[in-house]
PDB file of N, CA and C in Angstrom:
ATOM      1  N   MET A   1     -19.004  16.166  -3.621  1.00  0.00           N
ATOM      2  CA  MET A   1     -18.392  15.660  -2.447  1.00  0.00           C
ATOM      3  C   MET A   1     -19.011  14.677  -1.889  1.00  0.00           C
ATOM      4  N   LYS A   2     -20.259  14.767  -1.727  1.00  0.00           N
ATOM      5  CA  LYS A   2     -20.846  13.274  -1.163  1.00  0.00           C
ATOM      6  C   LYS A   2     -20.931  12.499  -2.091  1.00  0.00           C
ATOM      7  N   ALA A   3     -20.748  12.260  -3.514  1.00  0.00           N
ATOM      8  CA  ALA A   3     -20.780  11.420  -4.263  1.00  0.00           C
ATOM      9  C   ALA A   3     -19.620  10.861  -4.383  1.00  0.00           C
ATOM     10  N   PHE A   4     -18.399  11.636  -4.086  1.00  0.00           N
ATOM     11  CA  PHE A   4     -17.038  10.631  -3.746  1.00  0.00           C
ATOM     12  C   PHE A   4     -17.309   9.852  -2.693  1.00  0.00           C
ATOM     13  N   TRP A   5     -18.191   9.909  -1.617  1.00  0.00           N
ATOM     14  CA  TRP A   5     -18.143   9.434  -0.019  1.00  0.00           C
ATOM     15  C   TRP A   5     -18.767   8.296  -0.581  1.00  0.00           C
ATOM     16  N   ILE A   6     -19.775   8.289  -1.198  1.00  0.00           N
ATOM     17  CA  ILE A   6     -20.494   6.987  -1.881  1.00  0.00           C
ATOM     18  C   ILE A   6     -19.721   6.329  -2.418  1.00  0.00           C
ATOM     19  N   ALA A   7     -19.248   6.635  -3.205  1.00  0.00           N
ATOM     20  CA  ALA A   7     -18.465   5.912  -4.102  1.00  0.00           C
ATOM     21  C   ALA A   7     -17.202   4.974  -3.702  1.00  0.00           C
ATOM     22  N   ILE A   8     -16.673   5.980  -2.238  1.00  0.00           N
ATOM     23  CA  ILE A   8     -15.646   5.166  -1.461  1.00  0.00           C
ATOM     24  C   ILE A   8     -16.250   4.144  -0.688  1.00  0.00           C
ATOM     25  N   GLY A   9     -17.097   4.188  -0.217  1.00  0.00           N
ATOM     26  CA  GLY A   9     -18.279   3.386   0.350  1.00  0.00           C
ATOM     27  C   GLY A   9     -18.722   2.010  -0.051  1.00  0.00           C
ATOM     28  N   LEU A  10     -19.190   2.487  -1.460  1.00  0.00           N
ATOM     29  CA  LEU A  10     -19.409   1.011  -2.651  1.00  0.00           C
ATOM     30  C   LEU A  10     -18.237   0.311  -2.752  1.00  0.00           C
ATOM     31  N   VAL A  11     -17.248   1.280  -2.462  1.00  0.00           N
ATOM     32  CA  VAL A  11     -15.887   0.403  -3.047  1.00  0.00           C
ATOM     33  C   VAL A  11     -15.236  -0.419  -2.048  1.00  0.00           C
ATOM     34  N   LEU A  12     -15.583  -0.231  -0.536  1.00  0.00           N
ATOM     35  CA  LEU A  12     -15.161  -0.971   0.575  1.00  0.00           C
ATOM     36  C   LEU A  12     -16.007  -1.628   0.564  1.00  0.00           C
ATOM     37  N   ILE A  13     -17.499  -2.291   0.203  1.00  0.00           N
ATOM     38  CA  ILE A  13     -18.616  -2.977   0.384  1.00  0.00           C
ATOM     39  C   ILE A  13     -18.509  -3.668  -0.274  1.00  0.00           C
ATOM     40  N   LEU A  14     -17.892  -3.553  -1.411  1.00  0.00           N
ATOM     41  CA  LEU A  14     -17.534  -4.663  -2.483  1.00  0.00           C
ATOM     42  C   LEU A  14     -16.369  -5.315  -2.387  1.00  0.00           C
ATOM     43  N   GLU A  15     -15.408  -4.750  -1.751  1.00  0.00           N
ATOM     44  CA  GLU A  15     -14.223  -4.833  -1.483  1.00  0.00           C
ATOM     45  C   GLU A  15     -14.380  -6.032  -0.482  1.00  0.00           C
ATOM     46  N   GLY A  16     -15.115  -5.837   0.609  1.00  0.00           N
ATOM     47  CA  GLY A  16     -15.533  -6.577   1.883  1.00  0.00           C
ATOM     48  C   GLY A  16     -16.025  -7.723   1.791  1.00  0.00           C
ATOM     49  N   LEU A  17     -16.883  -8.157   0.548  1.00  0.00           N
ATOM     50  CA  LEU A  17     -17.840  -9.175   0.418  1.00  0.00           C
ATOM     51  C   LEU A  17     -16.908 -10.579  -0.242  1.00  0.00           C
ATOM     52  N   GLY A  18     -15.786 -10.253  -0.366  1.00  0.00           N
ATOM     53  CA  GLY A  18     -14.864 -11.428  -0.935  1.00  0.00           C
ATOM     54  C   GLY A  18     -14.059 -12.063   0.105  1.00  0.00           C
ATOM     55  N   PRO A  19     -13.553 -11.533   1.251  1.00  0.00           N
ATOM     56  CA  PRO A  19     -13.109 -12.034   2.623  1.00  0.00           C
ATOM     57  C   PRO A  19     -14.387 -12.698   3.107  1.00  0.00           C
ATOM     58  N   MET A  20     -15.491 -11.961   3.537  1.00  0.00           N
ATOM     59  CA  MET A  20     -16.322 -12.051   3.929  1.00  0.00           C
ATOM     60  C   MET A  20     -17.589 -13.550   3.693  1.00  0.00           C
ATOM     61  N   LEU A  21     -17.710 -13.580   2.387  1.00  0.00           N
ATOM     62  CA  LEU A  21     -18.297 -14.543   2.247  1.00  0.00           C
ATOM     63  C   LEU A  21     -17.442 -15.968   1.361  1.00  0.00           C
ATOM     64  N   ALA A  22     -16.390 -15.702   1.121  1.00  0.00           N
ATOM     65  CA  ALA A  22     -15.453 -16.667   0.942  1.00  0.00           C
ATOM     66  C   ALA A  22     -14.006 -17.069   1.387  1.00  0.00           C
ATOM     67  N   PRO A  23     -13.605 -16.904   2.477  1.00  0.00           N
ATOM     68  CA  PRO A  23     -12.297 -16.678   2.830  1.00  0.00           C
ATOM     69  C   PRO A  23     -11.045 -17.214   2.512  1.00  0.00           C
ATOM     70  N   ARG A  24     -11.513 -18.539   2.034  1.00  0.00           N
ATOM     71  CA  ARG A  24     -10.337 -19.329   1.936  1.00  0.00           C
ATOM     72  C   ARG A  24     -10.340 -19.537   0.255  1.00  0.00           C
ATOM     73  N   GLY A  25     -11.359 -19.209  -0.494  1.00  0.00           N
ATOM     74  CA  GLY A  25     -11.202 -18.893  -1.688  1.00  0.00           C
ATOM     75  C   GLY A  25     -10.401 -17.510  -1.923  1.00  0.00           C
ATOM     76  N   TRP A  26     -10.377 -16.331  -1.076  1.00  0.00           N
ATOM     77  CA  TRP A  26      -9.905 -14.893  -1.231  1.00  0.00           C
ATOM     78  C   TRP A  26      -8.527 -14.952  -1.014  1.00  0.00           C
ATOM     79  N   ARG A  27      -8.288 -15.954   0.728  1.00  0.00           N
ATOM     80  CA  ARG A  27      -7.073 -16.063   0.875  1.00  0.00           C
ATOM     81  C   ARG A  27      -6.305 -16.701  -0.512  1.00  0.00           C
ATOM     82  N   ALA A  28      -6.910 -17.878  -0.749  1.00  0.00           N
ATOM     83  CA  ALA A  28      -5.820 -18.240  -1.849  1.00  0.00           C
ATOM     84  C   ALA A  28      -5.716 -17.721  -3.156  1.00  0.00           C
ATOM     85  N   MET A  29      -6.867 -16.845  -3.615  1.00  0.00           N
ATOM     86  CA  MET A  29      -6.310 -15.593  -4.472  1.00  0.00           C
ATOM     87  C   MET A  29      -5.414 -14.928  -4.409  1.00  0.00           C
ATOM     88  N   MET A  30      -5.378 -14.132  -3.141  1.00  0.00           N
ATOM     89  CA  MET A  30      -4.380 -13.261  -2.306  1.00  0.00           C
ATOM     90  C   MET A  30      -3.013 -13.587  -2.593  1.00  0.00           C
ATOM     91  N   ALA A  31      -2.888 -15.095  -2.377  1.00  0.00           N
ATOM     92  CA  ALA A  31      -1.522 -16.011  -2.157  1.00  0.00           C
ATOM     93  C   ALA A  31      -0.953 -16.012  -3.982  1.00  0.00           C
ATOM     94  N   GLU A  32      -1.989 -16.302  -5.001  1.00  0.00           N
ATOM     95  CA  GLU A  32      -1.729 -15.971  -6.277  1.00  0.00           C
ATOM     96  C   GLU A  32      -1.211 -14.735  -6.928  1.00  0.00           C
ATOM     97  N   ILE A  33      -1.664 -13.810  -6.593  1.00  0.00           N
ATOM     98  CA  ILE A  33      -1.286 -12.464  -6.460  1.00  0.00           C
ATOM     99  C   ILE A  33      -0.141 -12.189  -6.465  1.00  0.00           C
ATOM    100  N   SER A  34      -0.062 -12.547  -5.096  1.00  0.00           N
ATOM    101  CA  SER A  34       1.485 -11.905  -4.613  1.00  0.00           C
ATOM    102  C   SER A  34       2.604 -12.537  -5.006  1.00  0.00           C
ATOM    103  N   ARG A  35       2.246 -13.401  -6.289  1.00  0.00           N
ATOM    104  CA  ARG A  35       3.241 -14.287  -6.782  1.00  0.00           C
ATOM    105  C   ARG A  35       3.531 -13.479  -8.041  1.00  0.00           C
ATOM    106  N   PHE A  36       2.859 -12.780  -8.481  1.00  0.00           N
ATOM    107  CA  PHE A  36       3.110 -11.929  -9.894  1.00  0.00           C
ATOM    108  C   PHE A  36       4.350 -10.985  -9.559  1.00  0.00           C
ATOM    109  N   ASP A  37       4.674 -10.604 -10.718  1.00  0.00           N
ATOM    110  CA  ASP A  37       6.007  -9.623 -10.775  1.00  0.00           C
ATOM    111  C   ASP A  37       4.800  -8.775 -11.007  1.00  0.00           C
ATOM    112  N   ASN A  38       6.095  -7.545 -10.502  1.00  0.00           N
ATOM    113  CA  ASN A  38       5.548  -6.354 -11.149  1.00  0.00           C
ATOM    114  C   ASN A  38       4.802  -5.890 -12.142  1.00  0.00           C
ATOM    115  N   ASN A  39       5.463  -6.159 -13.900  1.00  0.00           N
ATOM    116  CA  ASN A  39       4.670  -5.965 -14.551  1.00  0.00           C
ATOM    117  C   ASN A  39       3.244  -5.984 -14.862  1.00  0.00           C
ATOM    118  N   GLN A  40       3.400  -7.917 -14.270  1.00  0.00           N
ATOM    119  CA  GLN A  40       1.673  -8.572 -14.288  1.00  0.00           C
ATOM    120  C   GLN A  40       0.829  -7.500 -12.740  1.00  0.00           C
ATOM    121  N   LEU A  41       1.224  -7.291 -12.289  1.00  0.00           N
ATOM    122  CA  LEU A  41       0.367  -6.372 -11.769  1.00  0.00           C
ATOM    123  C   LEU A  41      -0.137  -4.943 -12.347  1.00  0.00           C
ATOM    124  N   ARG A  42       1.129  -4.611 -12.518  1.00  0.00           N
ATOM    125  CA  ARG A  42       0.665  -3.187 -13.417  1.00  0.00           C
ATOM    126  C   ARG A  42      -0.037  -3.581 -14.852  1.00  0.00           C
ATOM    127  N   ARG A  43      -0.456  -4.891 -15.291  1.00  0.00           N
ATOM    128  CA  ARG A  43      -1.279  -4.728 -15.856  1.00  0.00           C
ATOM    129  C   ARG A  43      -2.495  -5.245 -15.539  1.00  0.00           C
ATOM    130  N   VAL A  44      -2.703  -5.861 -14.175  1.00  0.00           N
ATOM    131  CA  VAL A  44      -3.492  -6.153 -14.257  1.00  0.00           C
ATOM    132  C   VAL A  44      -4.435  -4.684 -13.289  1.00  0.00           C
ATOM    133  N   GLY A  45      -3.323  -4.181 -12.846  1.00  0.00           N
ATOM    134  CA  GLY A  45      -3.971  -2.459 -12.263  1.00  0.00           C
ATOM    135  C   GLY A  45      -4.624  -1.552 -13.633  1.00  0.00           C
ATOM    136  N   GLY A  46      -3.653  -2.076 -14.716  1.00  0.00           N
ATOM    137  CA  GLY A  46      -4.627  -1.014 -15.558  1.00  0.00           C
ATOM    138  C   GLY A  46      -5.664  -1.338 -16.134  1.00  0.00           C
ATOM    139  N   CYS A  47      -5.548  -3.202 -16.589  1.00  0.00           N
ATOM    140  CA  CYS A  47      -6.856  -3.177 -16.413  1.00  0.00           C
ATOM    141  C   CYS A  47      -8.364  -2.933 -15.672  1.00  0.00           C
ATOM    142  N   LEU A  48      -7.826  -2.881 -14.712  1.00  0.00           N
ATOM    143  CA  LEU A  48      -9.122  -2.422 -13.683  1.00  0.00           C
ATOM    144  C   LEU A  48      -9.317  -1.165 -13.925  1.00  0.00           C
ATOM    145  N   VAL A  49      -8.508  -0.370 -13.967  1.00  0.00           N
ATOM    146  CA  VAL A  49      -8.849   1.515 -14.018  1.00  0.00           C
ATOM    147  C   VAL A  49      -9.283   1.102 -15.686  1.00  0.00           C
ATOM    148  N   VAL A  50      -8.732   0.884 -16.265  1.00  0.00           N
ATOM    149  CA  VAL A  50      -9.734   0.990 -17.710  1.00  0.00           C
ATOM    150  C   VAL A  50     -10.988   0.448 -17.783  1.00  0.00           C
ATOM    151  N   ALA A  51     -11.608  -0.800 -17.084  1.00  0.00           N
ATOM    152  CA  ALA A  51     -13.039  -1.487 -17.464  1.00  0.00           C
ATOM    153  C   ALA A  51     -13.546  -0.708 -16.103  1.00  0.00           C
ATOM    154  N   GLY A  52     -12.942  -0.156 -15.308  1.00  0.00           N
ATOM    155  CA  GLY A  52     -13.720   1.440 -14.453  1.00  0.00           C
ATOM    156  C   GLY A  52     -13.966   2.463 -15.099  1.00  0.00           C
ATOM    157  N   LEU A  53     -13.252   3.071 -15.750  1.00  0.00           N
ATOM    158  CA  LEU A  53     -13.660   4.058 -16.498  1.00  0.00           C
ATOM    159  C   LEU A  53     -14.788   3.874 -17.552  1.00  0.00           C
ATOM    160  N   VAL A  54     -14.655   2.574 -18.066  1.00  0.00           N
ATOM    161  CA  VAL A  54     -15.731   2.490 -19.009  1.00  0.00           C
ATOM    162  C   VAL A  54     -16.883   2.048 -18.460  1.00  0.00           C
ATOM    163  N   ILE A  55     -17.040   1.391 -17.553  1.00  0.00           N
ATOM    164  CA  ILE A  55     -18.307   1.488 -16.612  1.00  0.00           C
ATOM    165  C   ILE A  55     -19.130   3.066 -16.421  1.00  0.00           C
ATOM    166  N   VAL A  56     -17.803   3.559 -15.856  1.00  0.00           N
ATOM    167  CA  VAL A  56     -18.423   4.774 -15.647  1.00  0.00           C
ATOM    168  C   VAL A  56     -18.680   5.826 -16.508  1.00  0.00           C
ATOM    169  N   TYR A  57     -18.001   5.803 -17.807  1.00  0.00           N
ATOM    170  CA  TYR A  57     -18.410   6.630 -18.851  1.00  0.00           C
ATOM    171  C   TYR A  57     -20.055   5.964 -19.360  1.00  0.00           C
ATOM    172  N   THR A  58     -19.657   4.890 -19.293  1.00  0.00           N
ATOM    173  CA  THR A  58     -21.267   3.923 -19.572  1.00  0.00           C
ATOM    174  C   THR A  58     -22.376   4.626 -19.333  1.00  0.00           C
ATOM    175  N   ILE A  59     -22.116   4.703 -17.884  1.00  0.00           N
ATOM    176  CA  ILE A  59     -23.405   5.358 -16.844  1.00  0.00           C
ATOM    177  C   ILE A  59     -23.458   6.979 -16.963  1.00  0.00           C
ATOM    178  N   ILE A  60     -22.760   7.398 -17.308  1.00  0.00           N
ATOM    179  CA  ILE A  60     -22.826   9.033 -16.640  1.00  0.00           C
ATOM    180  C   ILE A  60     -22.507   9.505 -18.391  1.00  0.00           C
ATOM    181  N   GLY A  61     -22.274   8.451 -19.168  1.00  0.00           N
ATOM    182  CA  GLY A  61     -22.563   9.545 -20.893  1.00  0.00           C
ATOM    183  C   GLY A  61     -24.117   9.065 -21.051  1.00  0.00           C
TER     184      GLY A  61
END
C-alpha cells in the first residue's frame, strides 16, 4: 500500500511540473487538447496507458 501512495505522489509531482515551469505553454497545450474529439482523446489515453505499462513492466520485469 505504501508503494501505491508513493506512485500517486510521483504522478502529482510530474503533473505539477508543467504548469509550474511553463504555465503559458501548458495552457496552450490544454486548449489544443480540449479541441480533440472523444475518439482522439481515447487514443491518446490508450497510448499513455500502454506506455506506462511498458515502463512499469521494464522496470519490474
